[in-house]
Protein backbone atom coordinates (compact mmCIF):
# COMPACT_ATOMS: atom_id res chain seq x y z
CA UNK A 1 93.50 114.83 112.67
CA UNK A 2 92.50 118.16 111.27
CA UNK A 3 95.64 118.14 109.08
CA UNK A 4 94.68 114.78 107.78
CA UNK A 5 91.17 115.83 107.06
CA UNK A 6 92.32 118.80 105.24
CA UNK A 7 94.67 116.63 103.02
CA UNK A 8 91.61 114.34 102.22
CA UNK A 9 89.64 117.31 101.24
CA UNK A 10 92.48 118.52 98.82
CA UNK A 11 92.83 114.94 97.41
CA UNK A 12 89.00 114.31 97.04
CA UNK A 13 87.83 117.73 96.01
CA UNK A 14 85.31 117.54 98.92
CA UNK A 15 84.77 119.89 101.79
CA UNK A 16 84.03 118.76 105.38
CA UNK A 17 82.76 120.60 108.45
CA UNK A 18 84.34 119.84 111.67
CA UNK A 19 82.75 120.43 115.25
CA UNK A 20 84.22 119.47 118.55
CA UNK A 21 81.51 118.53 120.97
CA UNK A 22 81.10 116.60 124.18
CA UNK A 23 80.42 112.89 123.84
CA UNK A 24 76.76 112.92 124.72
CA UNK A 25 75.96 115.92 122.49
CA UNK A 26 77.70 114.33 119.42
CA UNK A 27 75.78 111.03 120.02
CA UNK A 28 72.56 112.82 120.27
CA UNK A 29 73.26 114.89 117.23
CA UNK A 30 74.04 111.82 115.17
CA UNK A 31 70.86 110.07 116.43
CA UNK A 32 68.74 113.15 115.35
CA UNK A 33 70.47 113.21 111.82
CA UNK A 34 72.07 116.53 112.66
CA UNK A 35 75.54 115.28 111.86
CA UNK A 36 76.60 112.63 109.19
CA UNK A 37 79.48 110.97 110.99
CA UNK A 38 81.68 111.23 114.25
CA UNK A 39 84.74 109.63 115.75
CA UNK A 40 86.12 108.26 117.97
CA UNK A 41 83.29 106.01 119.49
CA UNK A 42 83.33 103.13 121.85
CA UNK A 43 81.72 99.91 120.44
CA UNK A 44 79.40 99.54 123.41
CA UNK A 45 77.91 102.97 122.85
CA UNK A 46 77.69 102.77 118.90
CA UNK A 47 74.43 103.63 117.39
CA UNK A 48 73.09 100.49 115.61
CA UNK A 49 72.27 102.62 112.52
CA UNK A 50 75.86 103.56 112.02
CA UNK A 51 78.34 102.07 109.54
CA UNK A 52 81.27 99.87 110.90
CA UNK A 53 83.71 97.61 109.07
CA UNK A 54 87.32 96.83 109.69
CA UNK A 55 88.54 99.27 107.09
CA UNK A 56 86.80 102.15 109.02
CA UNK A 57 87.18 101.35 112.64
CA UNK A 58 89.50 99.04 114.64
CA UNK A 59 90.22 99.64 118.25
CA UNK A 60 93.28 98.18 120.02
CA UNK A 61 94.13 98.53 123.63
CA UNK A 62 97.77 98.33 124.64
CA UNK A 63 99.28 97.04 127.85
CA UNK A 64 102.86 98.23 128.85
CA UNK A 65 104.83 96.07 131.18
CA UNK A 66 108.45 97.06 132.41
CA UNK A 67 111.14 96.37 129.91
CA UNK A 68 112.61 93.65 132.04
CA UNK A 69 109.23 92.01 132.96
CA UNK A 70 107.65 88.98 130.99
CA UNK A 71 105.70 90.17 128.08
CA UNK A 72 101.86 90.07 128.63
CA UNK A 73 99.99 88.55 125.62
CA UNK A 74 96.71 87.71 127.30
CA UNK A 75 94.58 89.39 129.83
CA UNK A 76 94.59 86.18 132.02
CA UNK A 77 98.27 86.83 132.63
CA UNK A 78 97.25 89.75 134.90
CA UNK A 79 96.02 87.31 137.42
CA UNK A 80 97.54 88.09 140.82
CA UNK A 81 99.30 91.19 139.48
CA UNK A 82 98.99 94.87 140.36
CA UNK A 83 97.87 96.70 137.38
CA UNK A 84 97.21 100.39 136.70
CA UNK A 85 94.58 101.53 134.29
CA UNK A 86 93.44 104.86 133.03
CA UNK A 87 90.26 106.04 134.83
CA UNK A 88 87.45 107.10 132.55
CA UNK A 89 88.77 105.19 129.60
CA UNK A 90 86.63 102.43 128.28
CA UNK A 91 88.42 99.24 127.32
CA UNK A 92 85.26 97.65 125.91
CA UNK A 93 82.91 95.18 127.58
CA UNK A 94 85.06 92.10 127.02
CA UNK A 95 88.16 93.61 128.65
CA UNK A 96 86.39 95.36 131.42
CA UNK A 97 84.61 92.22 132.38
CA UNK A 98 87.87 90.16 132.30
CA UNK A 99 89.51 92.82 134.66
CA UNK A 100 86.72 92.54 137.09
CA UNK A 101 86.91 88.80 137.15
CA UNK A 102 90.73 88.70 137.75
CA UNK A 103 92.10 88.17 141.23
CA UNK A 104 94.41 91.17 140.84
CA UNK A 105 94.75 94.68 142.30
CA UNK A 106 93.66 97.36 139.91
CA UNK A 107 94.88 100.96 140.51
CA UNK A 108 92.97 103.82 138.82
């Protein structure tokens, strides 16, 4: 990401500052106008005063079945199946609620 930002600086003639901060601190800094922008962000925690459009932000969650298993194209196909998910990662409200409502075993 830093390499990409530096390329954007060279191309645009602009200079950007980069700070690595914990999630809560960066959200608070944005809310208090101490920083101009930040990424990544989860939709459910996004500040309502922030800019968002499809050209700027798009989140895609991926599901990986075994190569010889049936391809899963919809979350309802997880019904009754054992599924491992990454603990601490937010899949968004829609996916999280769907996982909770499935009759399946979730392993964190």
